C-alpha atoms as a PDB file:
ATOM      1  CA  MET A   1      -3.645  38.696   3.071  1.00  0.00           C
ATOM      2  CA  SER A   2      -6.515  37.091   3.000  1.00  0.00           C
ATOM      3  CA  SER A   3      -6.412  33.279   3.085  1.00  0.00           C
ATOM      4  CA  TYR A   4      -8.929  30.220   3.557  1.00  0.00           C
ATOM      5  CA  ARG A   5      -8.592  26.280   3.225  1.00  0.00           C
ATOM      6  CA  LEU A   6     -11.174  24.102   3.261  1.00  0.00           C
ATOM      7  CA  PRO A   7     -11.110  22.186   6.759  1.00  0.00           C
ATOM      8  CA  ASN A   8      -9.238  18.813   6.826  1.00  0.00           C
ATOM      9  CA  PHE A   9      -8.827  18.896   3.202  1.00  0.00           C
ATOM     10  CA  ASN A  10      -4.893  17.875   3.032  1.00  0.00           C
ATOM     11  CA  VAL A  11      -3.086  17.012  -0.994  1.00  0.00           C
ATOM     12  CA  ARG A  12      -1.514  14.169   0.792  1.00  0.00           C
ATOM     13  CA  GLU A  13      -4.137  12.990   2.421  1.00  0.00           C
ATOM     14  CA  ASN A  14      -7.372  13.841   0.391  1.00  0.00           C
ATOM     15  CA  GLY A  15      -5.316  13.434  -3.196  1.00  0.00           C
ATOM     16  CA  PHE A  16      -4.404  10.494  -4.293  1.00  0.00           C
ATOM     17  CA  ALA A  17      -0.584   9.430  -3.868  1.00  0.00           C
ATOM     18  CA  PHE A  18       0.140   8.080  -7.558  1.00  0.00           C
ATOM     19  CA  PRO A  19       0.346  10.203 -10.778  1.00  0.00           C
ATOM     20  CA  ASN A  20      -2.196  10.609 -13.748  1.00  0.00           C
ATOM     21  CA  SER A  21      -0.649   8.149 -15.827  1.00  0.00           C
ATOM     22  CA  PHE A  22      -2.062   5.051 -17.297  1.00  0.00           C
ATOM     23  CA  PRO A  23      -1.214   2.752 -19.729  1.00  0.00           C
ATOM     24  CA  ALA A  24      -1.547   4.241 -23.671  1.00  0.00           C
ATOM     25  CA  GLY A  25      -4.789   2.140 -25.285  1.00  0.00           C
ATOM     26  CA  SER A  26      -6.844   1.782 -22.493  1.00  0.00           C
ATOM     27  CA  PRO A  27     -10.965   2.849 -23.158  1.00  0.00           C
ATOM     28  CA  VAL A  28     -12.365   5.073 -21.061  1.00  0.00           C
ATOM     29  CA  VAL A  29     -15.493   3.621 -22.052  1.00  0.00           C
ATOM     30  CA  GLU A  30     -16.106  -0.194 -23.395  1.00  0.00           C
ATOM     31  CA  MET A  31     -19.056  -2.007 -24.391  1.00  0.00           C
ATOM     32  CA  PRO A  32     -20.363  -5.317 -26.178  1.00  0.00           C
ATOM     33  CA  THR A  33     -22.357  -4.521 -29.263  1.00  0.00           C
ATOM     34  CA  PRO A  34     -24.038  -6.707 -31.805  1.00  0.00           C
ATOM     35  CA  PHE A  35     -21.532  -5.831 -34.219  1.00  0.00           C
ATOM     36  CA  GLY A  36     -18.119  -6.491 -31.401  1.00  0.00           C
ATOM     37  CA  ARG A  37     -16.670  -4.661 -29.150  1.00  0.00           C
ATOM     38  CA  TRP A  38     -17.347  -0.568 -28.806  1.00  0.00           C
ATOM     39  CA  THR A  39     -14.759   1.620 -27.372  1.00  0.00           C
ATOM     40  CA  PHE A  40     -14.017   5.133 -26.872  1.00  0.00           C
ATOM     41  CA  GLY A  41     -11.428   7.372 -25.142  1.00  0.00           C
ATOM     42  CA  ASP A  42      -8.305   6.750 -23.933  1.00  0.00           C
ATOM     43  CA  ALA A  43      -7.179   6.505 -20.425  1.00  0.00           C
ATOM     44  CA  GLY A  44      -3.494   7.155 -21.490  1.00  0.00           C
ATOM     45  CA  ALA A  45      -4.304  10.632 -22.530  1.00  0.00           C
ATOM     46  CA  GLY A  46      -4.970  11.065 -18.999  1.00  0.00           C
ATOM     47  CA  LEU A  47      -8.047  11.086 -16.123  1.00  0.00           C
ATOM     48  CA  CYS A  48      -7.570  14.283 -14.417  1.00  0.00           C
ATOM     49  CA  GLY A  49     -10.924  14.732 -14.095  1.00  0.00           C
ATOM     50  CA  GLY A  50     -11.978  11.240 -13.582  1.00  0.00           C
ATOM     51  CA  MET A  51      -9.004  11.501 -10.093  1.00  0.00           C
ATOM     52  CA  VAL A  52     -10.397  15.216  -9.436  1.00  0.00           C
ATOM     53  CA  PHE A  53     -14.518  13.853  -8.947  1.00  0.00           C
ATOM     54  CA  ALA A  54     -13.155  10.730  -7.117  1.00  0.00           C
ATOM     55  CA  ALA A  55     -11.129  13.004  -4.771  1.00  0.00           C
ATOM     56  CA  MET A  56     -14.118  15.138  -4.127  1.00  0.00           C
ATOM     57  CA  ASP A  57     -16.300  11.914  -3.537  1.00  0.00           C
ATOM     58  CA  TYR A  58     -13.955  10.505  -1.059  1.00  0.00           C
ATOM     59  CA  TYR A  59     -14.270  13.997   1.069  1.00  0.00           C
ATOM     60  CA  LEU A  60     -17.793  14.657   0.616  1.00  0.00           C
ATOM     61  CA  HIS A  61     -18.336  11.226   1.513  1.00  0.00           C
ATOM     62  CA  GLY A  62     -15.902  11.089   4.620  1.00  0.00           C
ATOM     63  CA  ILE A  63     -13.783   8.680   3.439  1.00  0.00           C
ATOM     64  CA  GLU A  64     -10.804   9.646   5.031  1.00  0.00           C
ATOM     65  CA  GLU A  65      -8.226   6.222   3.990  1.00  0.00           C
ATOM     66  CA  LEU A  66      -7.809   6.794  -0.026  1.00  0.00           C
ATOM     67  CA  PRO A  67      -6.575   3.620  -2.260  1.00  0.00           C
ATOM     68  CA  THR A  68      -3.240   3.821  -2.490  1.00  0.00           C
ATOM     69  CA  ALA A  69      -2.604   2.025  -5.991  1.00  0.00           C
ATOM     70  CA  PRO A  70      -4.694   2.606  -9.250  1.00  0.00           C
ATOM     71  CA  GLY A  71      -5.995  -1.046  -9.462  1.00  0.00           C
ATOM     72  CA  PRO A  72      -8.549  -1.822 -12.541  1.00  0.00           C
ATOM     73  CA  ALA A  73     -11.747  -1.334  -9.856  1.00  0.00           C
ATOM     74  CA  LEU A  74     -10.539   2.476  -9.649  1.00  0.00           C
ATOM     75  CA  VAL A  75      -9.290   3.109 -12.957  1.00  0.00           C
ATOM     76  CA  ARG A  76     -13.056   2.075 -13.867  1.00  0.00           C
ATOM     77  CA  TYR A  77     -14.512   4.727 -11.282  1.00  0.00           C
ATOM     78  CA  PHE A  78     -12.029   7.123 -12.469  1.00  0.00           C
ATOM     79  CA  CYS A  79     -13.226   6.637 -16.639  1.00  0.00           C
ATOM     80  CA  LYS A  80     -16.943   6.660 -14.832  1.00  0.00           C
ATOM     81  CA  ARG A  81     -16.286  10.135 -12.974  1.00  0.00           C
ATOM     82  CA  LEU A  82     -14.164  11.852 -16.378  1.00  0.00           C
ATOM     83  CA  LEU A  83     -17.210  10.948 -18.313  1.00  0.00           C
ATOM     84  CA  ASP A  84     -19.374  12.898 -15.150  1.00  0.00           C
ATOM     85  CA  SER A  85     -16.596  15.369 -15.226  1.00  0.00           C
ATOM     86  CA  TRP A  86     -17.394  16.651 -18.899  1.00  0.00           C
ATOM     87  CA  ASN A  87     -20.941  17.125 -17.925  1.00  0.00           C
ATOM     88  CA  LEU A  88     -22.086  16.229 -21.849  1.00  0.00           C
ATOM     89  CA  PRO A  89     -22.979  17.884 -23.394  1.00  0.00           C
ATOM     90  CA  PHE A  90     -22.326  21.361 -22.064  1.00  0.00           C
ATOM     91  CA  GLY A  91     -19.489  20.995 -20.190  1.00  0.00           C
ATOM     92  CA  ALA A  92     -17.772  20.056 -22.783  1.00  0.00           C
ATOM     93  CA  ALA A  93     -18.751  22.279 -25.044  1.00  0.00           C
ATOM     94  CA  LYS A  94     -17.636  24.698 -22.631  1.00  0.00           C
ATOM     95  CA  TYR A  95     -14.334  23.541 -22.756  1.00  0.00           C
ATOM     96  CA  TYR A  96     -14.217  23.750 -26.812  1.00  0.00           C
ATOM     97  CA  ASP A  97     -15.779  27.357 -26.622  1.00  0.00           C
ATOM     98  CA  TRP A  98     -12.858  28.538 -24.114  1.00  0.00           C
ATOM     99  CA  GLN A  99     -10.375  26.725 -26.163  1.00  0.00           C
ATOM    100  CA  ARG A 100     -11.319  28.345 -29.805  1.00  0.00           C
ATOM    101  CA  ARG A 101     -11.245  32.050 -28.199  1.00  0.00           C
ATOM    102  CA  ARG A 102      -8.152  33.978 -29.431  1.00  0.00           C
ATOM    103  CA  LYS A 103      -8.930  36.330 -26.402  1.00  0.00           C
ATOM    104  CA  GLY A 104     -10.808  37.234 -23.241  1.00  0.00           C
ATOM    105  CA  LEU A 105     -10.451  34.288 -21.273  1.00  0.00           C
ATOM    106  CA  MET A 106      -8.916  35.722 -17.929  1.00  0.00           C
ATOM    107  CA  ARG A 107     -11.245  38.466 -18.030  1.00  0.00           C
ATOM    108  CA  LYS A 108     -14.264  36.002 -17.866  1.00  0.00           C
ATOM    109  CA  THR A 109     -11.853  34.120 -15.499  1.00  0.00           C
ATOM    110  CA  VAL A 110     -11.547  37.229 -13.330  1.00  0.00           C
ATOM    111  CA  ARG A 111     -15.013  38.567 -13.965  1.00  0.00           C
ATOM    112  CA  ASN A 112     -17.121  35.510 -13.785  1.00  0.00           C
ATOM    113  CA  GLU A 113     -15.577  32.445 -12.628  1.00  0.00           C
ATOM    114  CA  TRP A 114     -13.496  33.835  -9.629  1.00  0.00           C
ATOM    115  CA  PRO A 115     -16.372  34.740  -7.471  1.00  0.00           C
ATOM    116  CA  ARG A 116     -17.941  31.262  -8.506  1.00  0.00           C
ATOM    117  CA  ILE A 117     -14.549  29.628  -7.097  1.00  0.00           C
ATOM    118  CA  ARG A 118     -14.787  31.908  -3.788  1.00  0.00           C
ATOM    119  CA  ALA A 119     -18.463  31.710  -3.155  1.00  0.00           C
ATOM    120  CA  ARG A 120     -17.942  27.534  -3.250  1.00  0.00           C
ATOM    121  CA  LEU A 121     -14.579  27.819  -1.249  1.00  0.00           C
ATOM    122  CA  ASP A 122     -16.130  29.831   0.974  1.00  0.00           C
ATOM    123  CA  ALA A 123     -19.368  27.422   1.576  1.00  0.00           C
ATOM    124  CA  GLY A 124     -17.348  24.845   2.940  1.00  0.00           C
ATOM    125  CA  PHE A 125     -16.959  22.745  -0.788  1.00  0.00           C
ATOM    126  CA  PRO A 126     -13.940  22.064  -2.927  1.00  0.00           C
ATOM    127  CA  ALA A 127     -14.014  23.573  -6.437  1.00  0.00           C
ATOM    128  CA  PRO A 128     -13.200  21.421  -9.675  1.00  0.00           C
ATOM    129  CA  LEU A 129     -11.481  23.483 -12.523  1.00  0.00           C
ATOM    130  CA  GLY A 130     -11.546  23.312 -15.888  1.00  0.00           C
ATOM    131  CA  VAL A 131      -8.187  24.765 -16.847  1.00  0.00           C
ATOM    132  CA  ILE A 132      -7.740  25.571 -20.615  1.00  0.00           C
ATOM    133  CA  HIS A 133      -3.986  25.347 -21.740  1.00  0.00           C
ATOM    134  CA  ALA A 134      -4.910  24.972 -25.652  1.00  0.00           C
ATOM    135  CA  GLU A 135      -5.862  27.509 -28.208  1.00  0.00           C
ATOM    136  CA  GLY A 136      -7.619  26.759 -31.587  1.00  0.00           C
ATOM    137  CA  TYR A 137     -10.322  24.844 -33.191  1.00  0.00           C
ATOM    138  CA  GLY A 138      -8.958  21.930 -33.049  1.00  0.00           C
ATOM    139  CA  TRP A 139     -10.971  18.846 -30.886  1.00  0.00           C
ATOM    140  CA  LYS A 140      -7.841  16.726 -30.230  1.00  0.00           C
ATOM    141  CA  ASP A 141      -6.425  19.602 -28.562  1.00  0.00           C
ATOM    142  CA  LEU A 142      -9.000  19.081 -25.898  1.00  0.00           C
ATOM    143  CA  SER A 143      -6.760  16.769 -24.699  1.00  0.00           C
ATOM    144  CA  ARG A 144      -4.188  19.587 -23.836  1.00  0.00           C
ATOM    145  CA  ASN A 145      -6.560  20.996 -21.501  1.00  0.00           C
ATOM    146  CA  HIS A 146      -6.955  19.927 -17.703  1.00  0.00           C
ATOM    147  CA  GLN A 147      -8.606  19.521 -14.376  1.00  0.00           C
ATOM    148  CA  VAL A 148      -7.387  20.172 -10.863  1.00  0.00           C
ATOM    149  CA  LEU A 149      -9.316  20.677  -7.365  1.00  0.00           C
ATOM    150  CA  CYS A 150      -9.238  23.709  -5.549  1.00  0.00           C
ATOM    151  CA  TYR A 151      -9.303  23.301  -1.939  1.00  0.00           C
ATOM    152  CA  GLY A 152      -8.541  27.328  -0.594  1.00  0.00           C
ATOM    153  CA  TYR A 153      -7.097  30.312  -1.455  1.00  0.00           C
ATOM    154  CA  ASP A 154      -4.590  33.078  -0.749  1.00  0.00           C
ATOM    155  CA  PHE A 155      -5.490  36.843  -1.959  1.00  0.00           C
ATOM    156  CA  ASN A 156      -3.573  39.591  -1.303  1.00  0.00           C
ATOM    157  CA  GLY A 157      -4.670  42.905  -1.822  1.00  0.00           C
ATOM    158  CA  SER A 158      -1.522  44.583  -1.793  1.00  0.00           C
ATOM    159  CA  ASN A 159      -0.915  43.586  -5.154  1.00  0.00           C
ATOM    160  CA  GLU A 160      -4.079  42.027  -6.074  1.00  0.00           C
ATOM    161  CA  ASP A 161      -2.849  38.715  -6.672  1.00  0.00           C
ATOM    162  CA  VAL A 162      -5.010  35.740  -6.708  1.00  0.00           C
ATOM    163  CA  THR A 163      -3.324  32.181  -5.204  1.00  0.00           C
ATOM    164  CA  LEU A 164      -6.153  29.257  -5.904  1.00  0.00           C
ATOM    165  CA  ALA A 165      -4.181  26.224  -3.939  1.00  0.00           C
ATOM    166  CA  ILE A 166      -4.969  22.784  -5.905  1.00  0.00           C
ATOM    167  CA  TYR A 167      -4.462  19.266  -6.151  1.00  0.00           C
ATOM    168  CA  ASP A 168      -3.372  18.683  -9.498  1.00  0.00           C
ATOM    169  CA  PRO A 169      -3.668  15.089 -10.287  1.00  0.00           C
ATOM    170  CA  ASN A 170      -0.248  15.077 -12.521  1.00  0.00           C
ATOM    171  CA  TYR A 171       1.771  16.320  -9.447  1.00  0.00           C
ATOM    172  CA  PRO A 172       0.709  14.086  -6.527  1.00  0.00           C
ATOM    173  CA  GLY A 173       1.467  14.955  -2.792  1.00  0.00           C
ATOM    174  CA  ASP A 174       2.236  18.537  -4.149  1.00  0.00           C
ATOM    175  CA  GLU A 175       1.362  20.783  -1.213  1.00  0.00           C
ATOM    176  CA  THR A 176       2.404  23.813  -3.332  1.00  0.00           C
ATOM    177  CA  ALA A 177       0.956  23.380  -6.123  1.00  0.00           C
ATOM    178  CA  GLY A 178      -1.507  26.738  -7.481  1.00  0.00           C
ATOM    179  CA  LEU A 179      -2.835  28.956  -9.772  1.00  0.00           C
ATOM    180  CA  THR A 180      -2.168  32.481  -9.533  1.00  0.00           C
ATOM    181  CA  PHE A 181      -3.450  35.461 -11.717  1.00  0.00           C
ATOM    182  CA  LYS A 182      -4.306  39.390 -11.079  1.00  0.00           C
ATOM    183  CA  VAL A 183      -7.674  40.378 -10.706  1.00  0.00           C
ATOM    184  CA  SER A 184      -6.658  44.496 -10.884  1.00  0.00           C
ATOM    185  CA  ASP A 185      -7.308  44.225 -14.529  1.00  0.00           C
ATOM    186  CA  PRO A 186      -9.496  41.622 -16.260  1.00  0.00           C
ATOM    187  CA  SER A 187      -9.591  43.303 -19.160  1.00  0.00           C
ATOM    188  CA  SER A 188      -5.895  42.614 -19.933  1.00  0.00           C
ATOM    189  CA  GLU A 189      -4.416  39.468 -21.480  1.00  0.00           C
ATOM    190  CA  GLN A 190      -2.785  37.595 -19.096  1.00  0.00           C
ATOM    191  CA  SER A 191      -1.894  34.830 -18.403  1.00  0.00           C
ATOM    192  CA  ALA A 192      -2.084  32.254 -15.289  1.00  0.00           C
ATOM    193  CA  VAL A 193       0.680  30.749 -13.754  1.00  0.00           C
ATOM    194  CA  HIS A 194       1.007  27.367 -12.271  1.00  0.00           C
ATOM    195  CA  SER A 195       2.999  26.494  -9.876  1.00  0.00           C
ATOM    196  CA  CYS A 196       4.340  23.601 -11.230  1.00  0.00           C
ATOM    197  CA  VAL A 197       4.292  24.234 -15.470  1.00  0.00           C
ATOM    198  CA  GLY A 198       4.593  28.286 -15.758  1.00  0.00           C
ATOM    199  CA  SER A 199       2.753  30.876 -17.720  1.00  0.00           C
ATOM    200  CA  THR A 200       0.610  28.786 -19.421  1.00  0.00           C
ATOM    201  CA  VAL A 201      -3.016  28.807 -18.268  1.00  0.00           C
ATOM    202  CA  ARG A 202      -5.288  31.021 -20.520  1.00  0.00           C
ATOM    203  CA  GLY A 203      -8.461  30.506 -18.317  1.00  0.00           C
ATOM    204  CA  ILE A 204      -9.986  28.914 -15.313  1.00  0.00           C
ATOM    205  CA  PHE A 205     -13.501  27.732 -14.462  1.00  0.00           C
ATOM    206  CA  LEU A 206     -15.578  26.475 -12.158  1.00  0.00           C
ATOM    207  CA  SER A 207     -16.966  22.895 -13.360  1.00  0.00           C
ATOM    208  CA  ALA A 208     -20.227  21.604 -12.740  1.00  0.00           C
ATOM    209  CA  TYR A 209     -20.295  18.986  -9.636  1.00  0.00           C
ATOM    210  CA  THR A 210     -22.917  16.403  -8.661  1.00  0.00           C
ATOM    211  CA  ARG A 211     -21.944  14.081  -5.310  1.00  0.00           C
ATOM    212  CA  PRO A 212     -22.816  10.563  -6.358  1.00  0.00           C
ATOM    213  CA  ARG A 213     -25.711   9.420  -3.930  1.00  0.00           C
ATOM    214  CA  ASP A 214     -23.804   5.957  -3.220  1.00  0.00           C
ATOM    215  CA  PRO A 215     -20.096   6.671  -1.634  1.00  0.00           C
ATOM    216  CA  PRO A 216     -17.301   5.776  -3.821  1.00  0.00           C
ATOM    217  CA  PRO A 217     -15.468   2.245  -3.593  1.00  0.00           C
ATOM    218  CA  VAL A 218     -13.258   1.619  -0.454  1.00  0.00           C
ATOM    219  CA  PRO A 219      -9.722   0.571  -0.205  1.00  0.00           C
ATOM    220  CA  ASP A 220     -10.262  -2.793   0.204  1.00  0.00           C
ATOM    221  CA  GLN A 221     -12.363  -3.339  -2.821  1.00  0.00           C
ATOM    222  CA  ILE A 222     -10.148  -1.558  -5.166  1.00  0.00           C
ATOM    223  CA  ASN A 223      -6.596  -2.048  -3.740  1.00  0.00           C
ATOM    224  CA  GLY A 224      -6.064  -5.932  -4.765  1.00  0.00           C
ATOM    225  CA  GLY A 225      -7.856  -5.087  -8.344  1.00  0.00           C
ATOM    226  CA  VAL A 226     -11.601  -6.489  -8.076  1.00  0.00           C
END
C-alpha cells in the first residue's frame, strides 16, 4: 500500500463547513443591459466547481481561516470561480464530450487522467476533478455531473485499487469521502465508486486550474455578507 496526502490539508479546515446548497432561482451571472437585466445559470443547481476552486484558492494563498457561512459576497465569489472551473469553451466541451460517450470513460480515466492526477499531487498541489455521472446528449444533464477536490491517494498493489481522497462540497467535513477504481484492467467498463454515493461515476478527469493573482476575500469581508 502506498499513500500520499497533501501537507497541511484537512477537509474540516480547508473545505467549507456548509453544503453545496443555495436558493433556487439565484443566477450565476447577472448584468444590466439596455434591454433589462440579463441572467445566466441557477445557483440552486449547485456551485460545486466554484466551491472547489475557492477552497484551492484559500489553500494555495495560505489562508487558514475559511468563511463559516455562505454570505452574499462569498456566493458571488463561488459563482465567479464556477465559471472559471468550466474553462470555457474547452472545459465545458470536455464535460459534454465525456458525457456523450457510451463507453471507454474509465479507460481514459486510468490511462490518461490518473497519471496526471498523481503527478499533480506528488508535486504538492491539490487536484480539482471533473466527475462524470450523466450519460447522453442532453445539455441539461450536464448539471448532473460534479466537481471535487482531490488532496491525496491510496494505491493498494495487491488488488490494484486506487482511492482518491477528496473534499466533496456535497458532503462537508467528511474526511472519509473518496473515489475508488481499479487500474488493473483499463479496458473494462468498470465504474468508479464514490464512497458517499456508490458506483455511479462513469469517469474522472483533471480540471484546468489557474491560481488567481489576488487572494480570495477573508472571512471578515464576507461572513457579514458585504
